[in-house]
Amino acid sequence: MQTLLNNFQTEMKHWWLRNSIDLGSYTKDEVEDFTGSIPLLLDSCVVDGKIDLSVQELKNVFDQVQRFMGECKAKESVYQFSM
C-alpha cells in the first residue's frame, strides 16, 4: 500500500513539473484537494494556462458522486450509513 501511495505522490509531483500554470487565488494543496489529486481531472481544470475549478467536467463528477451517495443512503439505514 505504501508503494502505491509513493507512486501516486510521484505522479502528482511530475504533473506539477509538466504543467506551469497560474493557480490564481488557490494554493497547490487546495487544487489537489478539490480535484482529488487525479491528474486527468486536473488536466480538465486547466483553461488557458490557469486553474478553473468551475469547469463542466468537475461539475459532472460532483453530480455523479451526489447521485451515488443518494443511492447508498436510500439502501442503508441512517445508522449503517454513518458507520
PDB file of N, CA and C in Angstrom:
ATOM      1  N   MET A   1       0.825  -1.198   0.000  1.00  0.00           N
ATOM      2  CA  MET A   1       0.000   0.000   0.000  1.00  0.00           C
ATOM      3  C   MET A   1       0.869   1.261   0.000  1.00  0.00           C
ATOM      4  N   GLN A   2       1.970   1.219   0.761  1.00  0.00           N
ATOM      5  CA  GLN A   2       2.866   2.375   0.809  1.00  0.00           C
ATOM      6  C   GLN A   2       3.471   2.654  -0.564  1.00  0.00           C
ATOM      7  N   THR A   3       3.796   1.597  -1.315  1.00  0.00           N
ATOM      8  CA  THR A   3       4.357   1.774  -2.654  1.00  0.00           C
ATOM      9  C   THR A   3       3.362   2.485  -3.560  1.00  0.00           C
ATOM     10  N   LEU A   4       2.092   2.125  -3.462  1.00  0.00           N
ATOM     11  CA  LEU A   4       1.054   2.764  -4.258  1.00  0.00           C
ATOM     12  C   LEU A   4       0.966   4.249  -3.917  1.00  0.00           C
ATOM     13  N   LEU A   5       1.007   4.559  -2.637  1.00  0.00           N
ATOM     14  CA  LEU A   5       0.962   5.957  -2.206  1.00  0.00           C
ATOM     15  C   LEU A   5       2.179   6.714  -2.731  1.00  0.00           C
ATOM     16  N   ASN A   6       3.345   6.114  -2.637  1.00  0.00           N
ATOM     17  CA  ASN A   6       4.558   6.763  -3.147  1.00  0.00           C
ATOM     18  C   ASN A   6       4.465   7.009  -4.651  1.00  0.00           C
ATOM     19  N   ASN A   7       3.949   6.029  -5.392  1.00  0.00           N
ATOM     20  CA  ASN A   7       3.784   6.193  -6.837  1.00  0.00           C
ATOM     21  C   ASN A   7       2.811   7.328  -7.145  1.00  0.00           C
ATOM     22  N   PHE A   8       1.742   7.390  -6.378  1.00  0.00           N
ATOM     23  CA  PHE A   8       0.736   8.425  -6.580  1.00  0.00           C
ATOM     24  C   PHE A   8       1.329   9.809  -6.306  1.00  0.00           C
ATOM     25  N   GLN A   9       2.081   9.931  -5.230  1.00  0.00           N
ATOM     26  CA  GLN A   9       2.714  11.208  -4.896  1.00  0.00           C
ATOM     27  C   GLN A   9       3.729  11.611  -5.959  1.00  0.00           C
ATOM     28  N   THR A  10       4.463  10.640  -6.478  1.00  0.00           N
ATOM     29  CA  THR A  10       5.434  10.908  -7.535  1.00  0.00           C
ATOM     30  C   THR A  10       4.727  11.397  -8.791  1.00  0.00           C
ATOM     31  N   GLU A  11       3.599  10.776  -9.137  1.00  0.00           N
ATOM     32  CA  GLU A  11       2.837  11.194 -10.315  1.00  0.00           C
ATOM     33  C   GLU A  11       2.350  12.635 -10.168  1.00  0.00           C
ATOM     34  N   MET A  12       1.868  12.979  -8.972  1.00  0.00           N
ATOM     35  CA  MET A  12       1.405  14.349  -8.755  1.00  0.00           C
ATOM     36  C   MET A  12       2.571  15.332  -8.845  1.00  0.00           C
ATOM     37  N   LYS A  13       3.705  14.986  -8.304  1.00  0.00           N
ATOM     38  CA  LYS A  13       4.884  15.852  -8.381  1.00  0.00           C
ATOM     39  C   LYS A  13       5.237  16.117  -9.840  1.00  0.00           C
ATOM     40  N   HIS A  14       5.228  15.065 -10.651  1.00  0.00           N
ATOM     41  CA  HIS A  14       5.556  15.215 -12.068  1.00  0.00           C
ATOM     42  C   HIS A  14       4.480  15.983 -12.826  1.00  0.00           C
ATOM     43  N   TRP A  15       3.223  15.844 -12.419  1.00  0.00           N
ATOM     44  CA  TRP A  15       2.158  16.608 -13.068  1.00  0.00           C
ATOM     45  C   TRP A  15       2.430  18.099 -12.909  1.00  0.00           C
ATOM     46  N   TRP A  16       2.773  18.503 -11.700  1.00  0.00           N
ATOM     47  CA  TRP A  16       3.050  19.920 -11.453  1.00  0.00           C
ATOM     48  C   TRP A  16       4.296  20.381 -12.207  1.00  0.00           C
ATOM     49  N   LEU A  17       5.304  19.529 -12.317  1.00  0.00           N
ATOM     50  CA  LEU A  17       6.507  19.904 -13.061  1.00  0.00           C
ATOM     51  C   LEU A  17       6.215  20.074 -14.550  1.00  0.00           C
ATOM     52  N   ARG A  18       5.316  19.255 -15.089  1.00  0.00           N
ATOM     53  CA  ARG A  18       4.955  19.327 -16.513  1.00  0.00           C
ATOM     54  C   ARG A  18       4.016  20.481 -16.825  1.00  0.00           C
ATOM     55  N   ASN A  19       3.321  20.983 -15.834  1.00  0.00           N
ATOM     56  CA  ASN A  19       2.278  21.988 -16.059  1.00  0.00           C
ATOM     57  C   ASN A  19       2.580  23.262 -15.285  1.00  0.00           C
ATOM     58  N   SER A  20       3.133  24.219 -15.977  1.00  0.00           N
ATOM     59  CA  SER A  20       3.387  25.526 -15.376  1.00  0.00           C
ATOM     60  C   SER A  20       2.116  26.354 -15.551  1.00  0.00           C
ATOM     61  N   ILE A  21       1.335  26.444 -14.486  1.00  0.00           N
ATOM     62  CA  ILE A  21       0.025  27.086 -14.595  1.00  0.00           C
ATOM     63  C   ILE A  21      -0.157  28.150 -13.527  1.00  0.00           C
ATOM     64  N   ASP A  22      -1.083  29.047 -13.789  1.00  0.00           N
ATOM     65  CA  ASP A  22      -1.445  30.104 -12.844  1.00  0.00           C
ATOM     66  C   ASP A  22      -2.515  29.536 -11.913  1.00  0.00           C
ATOM     67  N   LEU A  23      -2.194  29.497 -10.621  1.00  0.00           N
ATOM     68  CA  LEU A  23      -3.146  28.959  -9.639  1.00  0.00           C
ATOM     69  C   LEU A  23      -4.203  29.972  -9.236  1.00  0.00           C
ATOM     70  N   GLY A  24      -4.039  31.210  -9.643  1.00  0.00           N
ATOM     71  CA  GLY A  24      -4.993  32.235  -9.229  1.00  0.00           C
ATOM     72  C   GLY A  24      -4.950  32.401  -7.721  1.00  0.00           C
ATOM     73  N   SER A  25      -6.102  32.373  -7.089  1.00  0.00           N
ATOM     74  CA  SER A  25      -6.173  32.561  -5.633  1.00  0.00           C
ATOM     75  C   SER A  25      -6.049  31.244  -4.872  1.00  0.00           C
ATOM     76  N   TYR A  26      -5.855  30.140  -5.591  1.00  0.00           N
ATOM     77  CA  TYR A  26      -5.762  28.832  -4.950  1.00  0.00           C
ATOM     78  C   TYR A  26      -4.319  28.470  -4.631  1.00  0.00           C
ATOM     79  N   THR A  27      -4.154  27.601  -3.641  1.00  0.00           N
ATOM     80  CA  THR A  27      -2.843  27.005  -3.397  1.00  0.00           C
ATOM     81  C   THR A  27      -2.801  25.660  -4.111  1.00  0.00           C
ATOM     82  N   LYS A  28      -1.606  25.134  -4.278  1.00  0.00           N
ATOM     83  CA  LYS A  28      -1.449  23.816  -4.899  1.00  0.00           C
ATOM     84  C   LYS A  28      -2.224  22.763  -4.103  1.00  0.00           C
ATOM     85  N   ASP A  29      -2.124  22.821  -2.780  1.00  0.00           N
ATOM     86  CA  ASP A  29      -2.831  21.855  -1.933  1.00  0.00           C
ATOM     87  C   ASP A  29      -4.346  21.963  -2.088  1.00  0.00           C
ATOM     88  N   GLU A  30      -4.864  23.175  -2.197  1.00  0.00           N
ATOM     89  CA  GLU A  30      -6.305  23.358  -2.378  1.00  0.00           C
ATOM     90  C   GLU A  30      -6.775  22.756  -3.700  1.00  0.00           C
ATOM     91  N   VAL A  31      -5.993  22.976  -4.751  1.00  0.00           N
ATOM     92  CA  VAL A  31      -6.356  22.426  -6.061  1.00  0.00           C
ATOM     93  C   VAL A  31      -6.341  20.902  -6.013  1.00  0.00           C
ATOM     94  N   GLU A  32      -5.315  20.319  -5.393  1.00  0.00           N
ATOM     95  CA  GLU A  32      -5.242  18.864  -5.281  1.00  0.00           C
ATOM     96  C   GLU A  32      -6.394  18.314  -4.440  1.00  0.00           C
ATOM     97  N   ASP A  33      -6.728  18.987  -3.350  1.00  0.00           N
ATOM     98  CA  ASP A  33      -7.841  18.535  -2.508  1.00  0.00           C
ATOM     99  C   ASP A  33      -9.156  18.596  -3.281  1.00  0.00           C
ATOM    100  N   PHE A  34      -9.361  19.675  -4.002  1.00  0.00           N
ATOM    101  CA  PHE A  34     -10.619  19.882  -4.722  1.00  0.00           C
ATOM    102  C   PHE A  34     -10.808  18.873  -5.845  1.00  0.00           C
ATOM    103  N   THR A  35      -9.703  18.484  -6.490  1.00  0.00           N
ATOM    104  CA  THR A  35      -9.776  17.564  -7.632  1.00  0.00           C
ATOM    105  C   THR A  35      -9.462  16.121  -7.243  1.00  0.00           C
ATOM    106  N   GLY A  36      -9.205  15.890  -5.961  1.00  0.00           N
ATOM    107  CA  GLY A  36      -8.864  14.546  -5.523  1.00  0.00           C
ATOM    108  C   GLY A  36      -7.485  14.104  -5.986  1.00  0.00           C
ATOM    109  N   SER A  37      -6.674  15.056  -6.391  1.00  0.00           N
ATOM    110  CA  SER A  37      -5.323  14.762  -6.894  1.00  0.00           C
ATOM    111  C   SER A  37      -5.342  13.763  -8.045  1.00  0.00           C
ATOM    112  N   ILE A  38      -6.342  13.871  -8.879  1.00  0.00           N
ATOM    113  CA  ILE A  38      -6.479  12.990 -10.036  1.00  0.00           C
ATOM    114  C   ILE A  38      -5.933  13.732 -11.254  1.00  0.00           C
ATOM    115  N   PRO A  39      -4.800  13.283 -11.792  1.00  0.00           N
ATOM    116  CA  PRO A  39      -4.179  14.018 -12.898  1.00  0.00           C
ATOM    117  C   PRO A  39      -5.114  14.286 -14.079  1.00  0.00           C
ATOM    118  N   LEU A  40      -5.929  13.334 -14.477  1.00  0.00           N
ATOM    119  CA  LEU A  40      -6.835  13.570 -15.610  1.00  0.00           C
ATOM    120  C   LEU A  40      -7.871  14.638 -15.287  1.00  0.00           C
ATOM    121  N   LEU A  41      -8.315  14.672 -14.049  1.00  0.00           N
ATOM    122  CA  LEU A  41      -9.263  15.709 -13.639  1.00  0.00           C
ATOM    123  C   LEU A  41      -8.552  17.060 -13.541  1.00  0.00           C
ATOM    124  N   LEU A  42      -7.325  17.045 -13.049  1.00  0.00           N
ATOM    125  CA  LEU A  42      -6.531  18.274 -13.013  1.00  0.00           C
ATOM    126  C   LEU A  42      -6.336  18.827 -14.419  1.00  0.00           C
ATOM    127  N   ASP A  43      -6.054  17.949 -15.374  1.00  0.00           N
ATOM    128  CA  ASP A  43      -5.880  18.389 -16.766  1.00  0.00           C
ATOM    129  C   ASP A  43      -7.105  19.151 -17.262  1.00  0.00           C
ATOM    130  N   SER A  44      -8.281  18.673 -16.910  1.00  0.00           N
ATOM    131  CA  SER A  44      -9.504  19.323 -17.401  1.00  0.00           C
ATOM    132  C   SER A  44      -9.762  20.658 -16.708  1.00  0.00           C
ATOM    133  N   CYS A  45      -9.072  20.918 -15.602  1.00  0.00           N
ATOM    134  CA  CYS A  45      -9.252  22.176 -14.877  1.00  0.00           C
ATOM    135  C   CYS A  45      -8.289  23.268 -15.328  1.00  0.00           C
ATOM    136  N   VAL A  46      -7.429  22.944 -16.278  1.00  0.00           N
ATOM    137  CA  VAL A  46      -6.504  23.951 -16.806  1.00  0.00           C
ATOM    138  C   VAL A  46      -7.134  24.549 -18.061  1.00  0.00           C
ATOM    139  N   VAL A  47      -7.453  25.819 -17.976  1.00  0.00           N
ATOM    140  CA  VAL A  47      -8.068  26.530 -19.090  1.00  0.00           C
ATOM    141  C   VAL A  47      -7.229  27.772 -19.372  1.00  0.00           C
ATOM    142  N   ASP A  48      -6.688  27.835 -20.565  1.00  0.00           N
ATOM    143  CA  ASP A  48      -5.829  28.963 -20.970  1.00  0.00           C
ATOM    144  C   ASP A  48      -4.692  29.192 -19.980  1.00  0.00           C
ATOM    145  N   GLY A  49      -4.092  28.104 -19.497  1.00  0.00           N
ATOM    146  CA  GLY A  49      -2.941  28.206 -18.607  1.00  0.00           C
ATOM    147  C   GLY A  49      -3.261  28.547 -17.165  1.00  0.00           C
ATOM    148  N   LYS A  50      -4.551  28.548 -16.828  1.00  0.00           N
ATOM    149  CA  LYS A  50      -4.968  28.891 -15.470  1.00  0.00           C
ATOM    150  C   LYS A  50      -5.865  27.791 -14.909  1.00  0.00           C
ATOM    151  N   ILE A  51      -5.858  27.653 -13.590  1.00  0.00           N
ATOM    152  CA  ILE A  51      -6.762  26.705 -12.941  1.00  0.00           C
ATOM    153  C   ILE A  51      -8.158  27.291 -12.921  1.00  0.00           C
ATOM    154  N   ASP A  52      -9.124  26.508 -13.359  1.00  0.00           N
ATOM    155  CA  ASP A  52     -10.533  26.897 -13.343  1.00  0.00           C
ATOM    156  C   ASP A  52     -11.311  25.749 -12.710  1.00  0.00           C
ATOM    157  N   LEU A  53     -11.711  25.944 -11.460  1.00  0.00           N
ATOM    158  CA  LEU A  53     -12.421  24.879 -10.748  1.00  0.00           C
ATOM    159  C   LEU A  53     -13.925  24.915 -10.985  1.00  0.00           C
ATOM    160  N   SER A  54     -14.341  25.671 -11.991  1.00  0.00           N
ATOM    161  CA  SER A  54     -15.763  25.693 -12.330  1.00  0.00           C
ATOM    162  C   SER A  54     -16.036  25.008 -13.669  1.00  0.00           C
ATOM    163  N   VAL A  55     -15.069  24.217 -14.157  1.00  0.00           N
ATOM    164  CA  VAL A  55     -15.242  23.543 -15.447  1.00  0.00           C
ATOM    165  C   VAL A  55     -16.340  22.480 -15.360  1.00  0.00           C
ATOM    166  N   GLN A  56     -16.953  22.206 -16.485  1.00  0.00           N
ATOM    167  CA  GLN A  56     -18.066  21.263 -16.543  1.00  0.00           C
ATOM    168  C   GLN A  56     -17.666  19.857 -16.111  1.00  0.00           C
ATOM    169  N   GLU A  57     -16.459  19.433 -16.452  1.00  0.00           N
ATOM    170  CA  GLU A  57     -16.011  18.087 -16.081  1.00  0.00           C
ATOM    171  C   GLU A  57     -16.052  17.884 -14.573  1.00  0.00           C
ATOM    172  N   LEU A  58     -15.639  18.904 -13.822  1.00  0.00           N
ATOM    173  CA  LEU A  58     -15.657  18.824 -12.366  1.00  0.00           C
ATOM    174  C   LEU A  58     -17.096  18.779 -11.854  1.00  0.00           C
ATOM    175  N   LYS A  59     -17.957  19.573 -12.461  1.00  0.00           N
ATOM    176  CA  LYS A  59     -19.376  19.561 -12.075  1.00  0.00           C
ATOM    177  C   LYS A  59     -19.989  18.187 -12.345  1.00  0.00           C
ATOM    178  N   ASN A  60     -19.615  17.567 -13.455  1.00  0.00           N
ATOM    179  CA  ASN A  60     -20.138  16.237 -13.782  1.00  0.00           C
ATOM    180  C   ASN A  60     -19.733  15.209 -12.729  1.00  0.00           C
ATOM    181  N   VAL A  61     -18.484  15.275 -12.273  1.00  0.00           N
ATOM    182  CA  VAL A  61     -18.011  14.345 -11.237  1.00  0.00           C
ATOM    183  C   VAL A  61     -18.809  14.560  -9.960  1.00  0.00           C
ATOM    184  N   PHE A  62     -18.985  15.809  -9.571  1.00  0.00           N
ATOM    185  CA  PHE A  62     -19.745  16.088  -8.349  1.00  0.00           C
ATOM    186  C   PHE A  62     -21.176  15.575  -8.457  1.00  0.00           C
ATOM    187  N   ASP A  63     -21.799  15.757  -9.610  1.00  0.00           N
ATOM    188  CA  ASP A  63     -23.162  15.252  -9.814  1.00  0.00           C
ATOM    189  C   ASP A  63     -23.217  13.737  -9.672  1.00  0.00           C
ATOM    190  N   GLN A  64     -22.235  13.046 -10.246  1.00  0.00           N
ATOM    191  CA  GLN A  64     -22.187  11.589 -10.148  1.00  0.00           C
ATOM    192  C   GLN A  64     -21.992  11.136  -8.707  1.00  0.00           C
ATOM    193  N   VAL A  65     -21.145  11.833  -7.971  1.00  0.00           N
ATOM    194  CA  VAL A  65     -20.914  11.487  -6.560  1.00  0.00           C
ATOM    195  C   VAL A  65     -22.194  11.695  -5.759  1.00  0.00           C
ATOM    196  N   GLN A  66     -22.895  12.787  -5.999  1.00  0.00           N
ATOM    197  CA  GLN A  66     -24.137  13.050  -5.281  1.00  0.00           C
ATOM    198  C   GLN A  66     -25.174  11.972  -5.575  1.00  0.00           C
ATOM    199  N   ARG A  67     -25.297  11.564  -6.828  1.00  0.00           N
ATOM    200  CA  ARG A  67     -26.251  10.507  -7.176  1.00  0.00           C
ATOM    201  C   ARG A  67     -25.874   9.199  -6.480  1.00  0.00           C
ATOM    202  N   PHE A  68     -24.596   8.854  -6.512  1.00  0.00           N
ATOM    203  CA  PHE A  68     -24.127   7.631  -5.880  1.00  0.00           C
ATOM    204  C   PHE A  68     -24.413   7.660  -4.380  1.00  0.00           C
ATOM    205  N   MET A  69     -24.101   8.762  -3.727  1.00  0.00           N
ATOM    206  CA  MET A  69     -24.334   8.870  -2.284  1.00  0.00           C
ATOM    207  C   MET A  69     -25.828   8.806  -1.970  1.00  0.00           C
ATOM    208  N   GLY A  70     -26.642   9.400  -2.800  1.00  0.00           N
ATOM    209  CA  GLY A  70     -28.094   9.326  -2.607  1.00  0.00           C
ATOM    210  C   GLY A  70     -28.590   7.899  -2.708  1.00  0.00           C
ATOM    211  N   GLU A  71     -28.061   7.152  -3.667  1.00  0.00           N
ATOM    212  CA  GLU A  71     -28.440   5.745  -3.820  1.00  0.00           C
ATOM    213  C   GLU A  71     -27.990   4.933  -2.611  1.00  0.00           C
ATOM    214  N   CYS A  72     -26.784   5.199  -2.119  1.00  0.00           N
ATOM    215  CA  CYS A  72     -26.281   4.483  -0.937  1.00  0.00           C
ATOM    216  C   CYS A  72     -27.150   4.777   0.276  1.00  0.00           C
ATOM    217  N   LYS A  73     -27.498   6.029   0.470  1.00  0.00           N
ATOM    218  CA  LYS A  73     -28.326   6.408   1.615  1.00  0.00           C
ATOM    219  C   LYS A  73     -29.710   5.771   1.527  1.00  0.00           C
ATOM    220  N   ALA A  74     -30.235   5.652   0.327  1.00  0.00           N
ATOM    221  CA  ALA A  74     -31.566   5.068   0.150  1.00  0.00           C
ATOM    222  C   ALA A  74     -31.569   3.583   0.478  1.00  0.00           C
ATOM    223  N   LYS A  75     -30.442   2.909   0.281  1.00  0.00           N
ATOM    224  CA  LYS A  75     -30.354   1.470   0.519  1.00  0.00           C
ATOM    225  C   LYS A  75     -30.011   1.122   1.955  1.00  0.00           C
ATOM    226  N   GLU A  76     -29.386   2.033   2.676  1.00  0.00           N
ATOM    227  CA  GLU A  76     -28.898   1.741   4.028  1.00  0.00           C
ATOM    228  C   GLU A  76     -29.672   2.571   5.039  1.00  0.00           C
ATOM    229  N   SER A  77     -29.732   2.072   6.264  1.00  0.00           N
ATOM    230  CA  SER A  77     -30.327   2.856   7.322  1.00  0.00           C
ATOM    231  C   SER A  77     -29.366   3.989   7.681  1.00  0.00           C
ATOM    232  N   VAL A  78     -29.859   5.009   8.338  1.00  0.00           N
ATOM    233  CA  VAL A  78     -29.022   6.140   8.728  1.00  0.00           C
ATOM    234  C   VAL A  78     -27.863   5.643   9.608  1.00  0.00           C
ATOM    235  N   TYR A  79     -28.130   4.713  10.496  1.00  0.00           N
ATOM    236  CA  TYR A  79     -27.090   4.209  11.386  1.00  0.00           C
ATOM    237  C   TYR A  79     -26.000   3.493  10.589  1.00  0.00           C
ATOM    238  N   GLN A  80     -26.400   2.621   9.684  1.00  0.00           N
ATOM    239  CA  GLN A  80     -25.409   1.867   8.897  1.00  0.00           C
ATOM    240  C   GLN A  80     -24.595   2.806   8.006  1.00  0.00           C
ATOM    241  N   PHE A  81     -25.228   3.817   7.465  1.00  0.00           N
ATOM    242  CA  PHE A  81     -24.542   4.715   6.538  1.00  0.00           C
ATOM    243  C   PHE A  81     -23.510   5.569   7.262  1.00  0.00           C
ATOM    244  N   SER A  82     -23.763   5.926   8.505  1.00  0.00           N
ATOM    245  CA  SER A  82     -22.851   6.816   9.228  1.00  0.00           C
ATOM    246  C   SER A  82     -21.662   6.074   9.821  1.00  0.00           C
ATOM    247  N   MET A  83     -21.617   4.760   9.715  1.00  0.00           N
ATOM    248  CA  MET A  83     -20.518   3.990  10.308  1.00  0.00           C
ATOM    249  C   MET A  83     -19.259   4.220   9.585  1.00  0.00           C
TER     250      MET A  83
END
